[in-house]
């Protein structure tokens, strides 16, 4: 395999890490009102690929562009909640209560984040019990969609941070969603599980949620200095084509630092390359939604 990605005749200065010409990504249009929300599941059954980091930072970037954003922590590890500065042991109500208690409403569970225009439905280890308890429920795959429905008119985007598995909770998230965003670490073993994920998405689309669409595959933890990262990116584009976002998230210690600080990189290190990458991703995502 060649060390460099193919340029396909483009000026190399205009070609991004995916080997394709970078498109113009204009500032998103200003909204005159809010809702109904587009629901997007951040999904990959492999852990450590950047789902939570992308949920936080894409949400914050979308909020910067005037979108009202609701983040849903749908992982019993509660990493999304912790990453926004919450203590998982000090929560009055979580997404578990929303799923399992008929009298609990989404408004009772939503908490504000430190980002204007971005709210959170938190989670903790209690959610691990929900997967077992939901098995006996009627229409168990539609539970999350049902409880989130009252929030649809209030927000423009709902981002669901899924757990690293393809179990019932993830099926709920896919059933509730309009689109799927797949963060994928630029590492060989991360590529191997994507076919299984695509099969799951196709089954949910066929049997439970006909409107489900793959919004895009996002290369994360990219290091263009290594042949390995470049080869993985090349294979990713070969397999998924234009579904792969032009935006690529590069490795930087700033992501870990911002997580420790409990805030998005867009506010923790506003002028960093990581923050700019997520702003670019927000513009690209909005552009794809607009064109869909």
Protein backbone atom coordinates (compact mmCIF):
# COMPACT_ATOMS: atom_id res chain seq x y z
CA UNK A 1 0.00 0.00 0.00
CA UNK A 2 1.29 3.48 -0.89
CA UNK A 3 2.36 5.83 1.86
CA UNK A 4 0.18 8.64 0.54
CA UNK A 5 -3.54 8.73 -0.18
CA UNK A 6 -4.59 9.18 -3.82
CA UNK A 7 -5.24 12.79 -4.80
CA UNK A 8 -7.49 12.01 -7.80
CA UNK A 9 -6.11 14.99 -9.70
CA UNK A 10 -6.90 17.59 -7.05
CA UNK A 11 -4.46 20.19 -5.86
CA UNK A 12 -2.78 18.49 -2.87
CA UNK A 13 -3.23 21.69 -0.86
CA UNK A 14 -7.03 21.28 -1.12
CA UNK A 15 -7.09 17.59 -0.23
CA UNK A 16 -8.01 16.60 3.32
CA UNK A 17 -6.95 13.57 5.37
CA UNK A 18 -9.65 11.45 3.68
CA UNK A 19 -7.94 11.85 0.30
CA UNK A 20 -10.85 13.88 -1.08
CA UNK A 21 -11.14 17.56 -1.91
CA UNK A 22 -12.38 19.53 1.09
CA UNK A 23 -15.79 21.09 0.36
CA UNK A 24 -16.83 24.60 1.25
CA UNK A 25 -18.70 24.43 4.57
CA UNK A 26 -20.53 27.74 5.02
CA UNK A 27 -21.81 29.13 8.29
CA UNK A 28 -25.13 27.43 9.11
CA UNK A 29 -28.27 29.50 8.57
CA UNK A 30 -29.68 31.34 11.56
CA UNK A 31 -32.80 29.65 12.95
CA UNK A 32 -35.98 31.64 13.45
CA UNK A 33 -37.52 28.98 15.72
CA UNK A 34 -36.74 25.66 17.39
CA UNK A 35 -37.84 22.09 16.79
CA UNK A 36 -38.76 19.53 15.81
CA UNK A 37 -35.51 17.88 16.82
CA UNK A 38 -33.40 15.63 14.65
CA UNK A 39 -32.37 12.67 16.80
CA UNK A 40 -28.91 11.23 16.20
CA UNK A 41 -27.40 8.13 17.83
CA UNK A 42 -23.64 8.12 18.41
CA UNK A 43 -23.06 4.44 17.90
CA UNK A 44 -20.18 1.97 17.75
CA UNK A 45 -20.05 -1.31 19.67
CA UNK A 46 -16.30 -0.87 20.17
CA UNK A 47 -15.35 1.22 23.18
CA UNK A 48 -12.79 3.98 23.25
CA UNK A 49 -13.44 5.30 19.74
CA UNK A 50 -14.53 8.81 20.72
CA UNK A 51 -18.33 8.53 21.03
CA UNK A 52 -18.61 10.51 24.24
CA UNK A 53 -16.00 13.09 23.21
CA UNK A 54 -17.85 13.60 19.94
CA UNK A 55 -21.25 13.83 21.64
CA UNK A 56 -20.06 16.57 24.01
CA UNK A 57 -18.06 18.59 21.52
CA UNK A 58 -20.36 18.27 18.51
CA UNK A 59 -23.25 19.24 20.79
CA UNK A 60 -21.37 22.29 22.05
CA UNK A 61 -20.40 23.31 18.51
CA UNK A 62 -24.00 22.97 17.32
CA UNK A 63 -25.09 25.12 20.26
CA UNK A 64 -22.55 27.77 19.22
CA UNK A 65 -24.34 27.87 15.86
CA UNK A 66 -27.65 28.63 17.55
CA UNK A 67 -29.08 25.12 17.75
CA UNK A 68 -30.86 24.00 20.91
CA UNK A 69 -29.22 20.70 21.80
CA UNK A 70 -30.20 17.92 24.19
CA UNK A 71 -27.57 15.29 25.03
CA UNK A 72 -28.80 11.91 26.25
CA UNK A 73 -26.34 9.82 28.25
CA UNK A 74 -27.44 6.29 27.34
CA UNK A 75 -24.43 4.45 28.75
CA UNK A 76 -24.49 2.99 32.30
CA UNK A 77 -20.86 4.13 32.69
CA UNK A 78 -22.17 7.71 32.70
CA UNK A 79 -19.09 9.06 30.93
CA UNK A 80 -21.04 11.78 29.18
CA UNK A 81 -22.45 13.04 32.48
CA UNK A 82 -19.03 12.94 34.17
CA UNK A 83 -17.47 14.65 31.16
CA UNK A 84 -19.82 17.57 31.73
CA UNK A 85 -18.91 17.87 35.40
CA UNK A 86 -21.70 15.87 37.07
CA UNK A 87 -21.21 13.44 39.93
CA UNK A 88 -23.01 10.18 38.99
CA UNK A 89 -23.76 9.46 42.67
CA UNK A 90 -25.49 12.78 43.30
CA UNK A 91 -28.21 12.72 40.64
CA UNK A 92 -31.83 13.07 41.68
CA UNK A 93 -33.16 11.51 38.48
CA UNK A 94 -31.53 9.92 35.46
CA UNK A 95 -32.50 8.37 32.14
CA UNK A 96 -33.18 5.15 34.10
CA UNK A 97 -36.05 6.84 35.96
CA UNK A 98 -37.33 8.22 32.68
CA UNK A 99 -37.41 4.75 31.11
CA UNK A 100 -38.76 2.75 34.03
CA UNK A 101 -41.08 5.07 35.97
CA UNK A 102 -44.34 5.91 34.18
CA UNK A 103 -44.85 9.12 36.18
CA UNK A 104 -41.36 10.50 35.42
CA UNK A 105 -41.27 13.07 32.61
CA UNK A 106 -38.32 14.17 30.52
CA UNK A 107 -38.54 17.71 31.94
CA UNK A 108 -37.89 16.30 35.43
CA UNK A 109 -34.68 14.60 34.28
CA UNK A 110 -33.13 17.29 32.07
CA UNK A 111 -30.32 19.29 33.68
CA UNK A 112 -28.51 22.31 32.22
CA UNK A 113 -24.86 22.10 31.20
CA UNK A 114 -22.34 24.91 31.34
CA UNK A 115 -22.96 25.54 27.63
CA UNK A 116 -25.70 27.96 26.60
CA UNK A 117 -28.32 26.15 24.57
CA UNK A 118 -27.19 22.64 25.55
CA UNK A 119 -28.93 20.45 28.13
CA UNK A 120 -28.37 16.90 29.37
CA UNK A 121 -30.34 13.81 30.34
CA UNK A 122 -27.82 12.22 32.72
CA UNK A 123 -27.07 8.58 33.45
CA UNK A 124 -25.33 6.39 35.99
CA UNK A 125 -24.91 2.69 36.78
CA UNK A 126 -28.65 2.33 37.46
CA UNK A 127 -29.18 2.19 33.70
CA UNK A 128 -27.52 -1.23 33.57
CA UNK A 129 -30.64 -2.68 35.21
CA UNK A 130 -32.92 -1.23 32.55
CA UNK A 131 -31.73 -3.62 29.85
CA UNK A 132 -32.93 -6.58 31.91
CA UNK A 133 -36.15 -4.91 33.05
CA UNK A 134 -37.13 -3.78 29.57
CA UNK A 135 -37.09 -7.33 28.20
CA UNK A 136 -40.59 -8.02 29.53
CA UNK A 137 -42.08 -4.71 28.35
CA UNK A 138 -44.48 -4.38 25.44
CA UNK A 139 -42.83 -2.58 22.48
CA UNK A 140 -39.61 -2.54 24.48
CA UNK A 141 -37.56 -1.26 21.51
CA UNK A 142 -39.65 1.93 21.35
CA UNK A 143 -39.33 2.90 25.02
CA UNK A 144 -36.71 5.61 24.56
CA UNK A 145 -38.52 7.13 21.56
CA UNK A 146 -41.71 7.33 23.59
CA UNK A 147 -40.18 9.07 26.62
CA UNK A 148 -38.19 11.55 24.51
CA UNK A 149 -41.19 12.53 22.37
CA UNK A 150 -42.27 15.47 24.61
CA UNK A 151 -38.84 17.10 24.16
CA UNK A 152 -38.90 17.02 20.35
CA UNK A 153 -40.57 20.39 19.94
CA UNK A 154 -38.16 22.17 22.31
CA UNK A 155 -34.83 21.16 20.75
CA UNK A 156 -33.29 21.22 17.29
CA UNK A 157 -30.91 18.30 17.85
CA UNK A 158 -30.94 15.37 20.29
CA UNK A 159 -27.65 13.45 20.47
CA UNK A 160 -27.73 10.01 22.13
CA UNK A 161 -24.42 8.70 23.47
CA UNK A 162 -24.80 4.91 23.17
CA UNK A 163 -23.02 2.28 25.22
CA UNK A 164 -20.33 0.17 23.50
CA UNK A 165 -22.56 -2.79 22.70
CA UNK A 166 -25.37 -3.77 20.34
CA UNK A 167 -27.82 -4.74 23.08
CA UNK A 168 -31.35 -3.61 23.83
CA UNK A 169 -30.35 -0.12 24.96
CA UNK A 170 -28.54 0.55 21.69
CA UNK A 171 -31.51 -0.86 19.73
CA UNK A 172 -33.71 1.60 21.63
CA UNK A 173 -31.41 4.46 20.65
CA UNK A 174 -31.43 3.43 16.98
CA UNK A 175 -35.21 3.04 17.00
CA UNK A 176 -35.58 6.55 18.44
CA UNK A 177 -33.19 8.16 15.95
CA UNK A 178 -33.40 9.77 12.54
CA UNK A 179 -29.70 9.25 11.93
CA UNK A 180 -26.60 7.43 13.13
CA UNK A 181 -23.17 8.99 13.47
CA UNK A 182 -20.41 6.39 13.72
CA UNK A 183 -17.18 7.59 15.38
CA UNK A 184 -14.38 5.27 14.32
CA UNK A 185 -10.86 5.31 15.70
CA UNK A 186 -8.27 5.34 12.93
CA UNK A 187 -6.88 2.00 14.03
CA UNK A 188 -7.11 -1.39 12.30
CA UNK A 189 -9.11 -3.27 14.96
CA UNK A 190 -11.73 -0.51 15.01
CA UNK A 191 -12.44 -1.23 11.34
CA UNK A 192 -13.24 -4.88 11.92
CA UNK A 193 -16.44 -4.37 13.90
CA UNK A 194 -18.06 -1.83 11.61
CA UNK A 195 -19.62 -4.48 9.34
CA UNK A 196 -21.53 -5.93 12.32
CA UNK A 197 -22.72 -2.46 13.28
CA UNK A 198 -23.95 -1.82 9.74
CA UNK A 199 -25.87 -5.12 9.80
CA UNK A 200 -27.55 -4.07 13.06
CA UNK A 201 -28.45 -0.64 11.65
CA UNK A 202 -29.93 -2.29 8.53
CA UNK A 203 -32.05 -4.65 10.63
CA UNK A 204 -33.39 -1.82 12.78
CA UNK A 205 -34.20 0.14 9.62
CA UNK A 206 -36.06 -2.81 8.10
CA UNK A 207 -37.96 -3.95 11.17
CA UNK A 208 -38.36 -1.02 13.57
CA UNK A 209 -37.43 2.37 12.12
CA UNK A 210 -37.70 2.87 8.34
CA UNK A 211 -36.49 6.49 8.55
CA UNK A 212 -33.12 5.53 10.07
CA UNK A 213 -30.19 6.83 8.03
CA UNK A 214 -26.41 6.75 8.49
CA UNK A 215 -25.52 10.44 8.72
CA UNK A 216 -21.84 9.70 8.47
CA UNK A 217 -18.72 7.91 9.67
CA UNK A 218 -16.25 10.07 11.58
CA UNK A 219 -12.55 9.28 11.71
CA UNK A 220 -11.24 10.00 15.22
CA UNK A 221 -7.85 9.90 16.95
CA UNK A 222 -6.20 10.42 13.58
CA UNK A 223 -2.44 10.90 13.44
CA UNK A 224 -1.37 11.79 9.91
CA UNK A 225 2.29 11.27 10.80
CA UNK A 226 1.78 7.50 10.96
CA UNK A 227 1.37 5.23 7.96
CA UNK A 228 -1.09 3.16 9.98
CA UNK A 229 -3.57 6.03 10.44
CA UNK A 230 -3.34 6.97 6.78
CA UNK A 231 -3.91 3.38 5.65
CA UNK A 232 -6.92 2.95 7.94
CA UNK A 233 -8.41 6.20 6.62
CA UNK A 234 -7.87 5.02 3.06
CA UNK A 235 -9.63 1.72 3.77
CA UNK A 236 -12.45 3.53 5.54
CA UNK A 237 -13.11 5.71 2.49
CA UNK A 238 -12.88 2.66 0.21
CA UNK A 239 -15.52 0.85 2.29
CA UNK A 240 -17.91 3.73 3.08
CA UNK A 241 -17.26 6.24 0.30
CA UNK A 242 -18.89 9.64 0.71
CA UNK A 243 -20.54 8.49 3.94
CA UNK A 244 -17.19 9.28 5.61
CA UNK A 245 -17.11 12.87 6.85
CA UNK A 246 -14.47 15.11 5.32
CA UNK A 247 -13.83 16.35 8.85
CA UNK A 248 -11.33 14.20 10.76
CA UNK A 249 -10.64 14.50 14.50
CA UNK A 250 -6.93 14.40 15.21
CA UNK A 251 -5.26 13.21 18.40
CA UNK A 252 -4.60 15.95 20.93
CA UNK A 253 -4.07 16.00 24.68
CA UNK A 254 -6.55 18.89 24.88
CA UNK A 255 -9.45 16.43 24.71
CA UNK A 256 -8.31 14.66 27.88
CA UNK A 257 -7.68 17.98 29.61
CA UNK A 258 -11.15 19.30 28.76
CA UNK A 259 -12.76 16.08 30.05
CA UNK A 260 -10.97 16.48 33.38
CA UNK A 261 -12.17 20.09 33.47
CA UNK A 262 -15.76 18.92 32.86
CA UNK A 263 -16.39 21.09 29.82
CA UNK A 264 -16.30 20.88 26.02
CA UNK A 265 -13.09 21.65 24.18
CA UNK A 266 -14.94 24.48 22.40
CA UNK A 267 -14.93 26.43 25.65
CA UNK A 268 -11.91 24.89 27.43
CA UNK A 269 -9.54 25.51 24.51
CA UNK A 270 -11.65 27.55 22.13
CA UNK A 271 -8.91 28.31 19.61
CA UNK A 272 -7.37 24.81 19.56
CA UNK A 273 -7.34 22.60 16.47
CA UNK A 274 -9.67 20.17 18.26
CA UNK A 275 -12.28 22.87 18.86
CA UNK A 276 -12.04 24.03 15.25
CA UNK A 277 -12.42 20.44 14.04
CA UNK A 278 -15.70 20.02 15.91
CA UNK A 279 -16.98 23.37 14.63
CA UNK A 280 -16.15 22.15 11.12
CA UNK A 281 -17.94 18.86 11.85
CA UNK A 282 -21.00 20.80 13.05
CA UNK A 283 -21.08 22.75 9.77
CA UNK A 284 -20.66 19.53 7.78
CA UNK A 285 -23.38 17.72 9.73
CA UNK A 286 -25.84 20.60 9.32
CA UNK A 287 -25.01 20.75 5.61
CA UNK A 288 -25.76 17.03 5.23
CA UNK A 289 -29.03 17.34 7.13
CA UNK A 290 -30.02 20.27 4.93
CA UNK A 291 -29.25 18.33 1.74
CA UNK A 292 -30.96 15.12 2.89
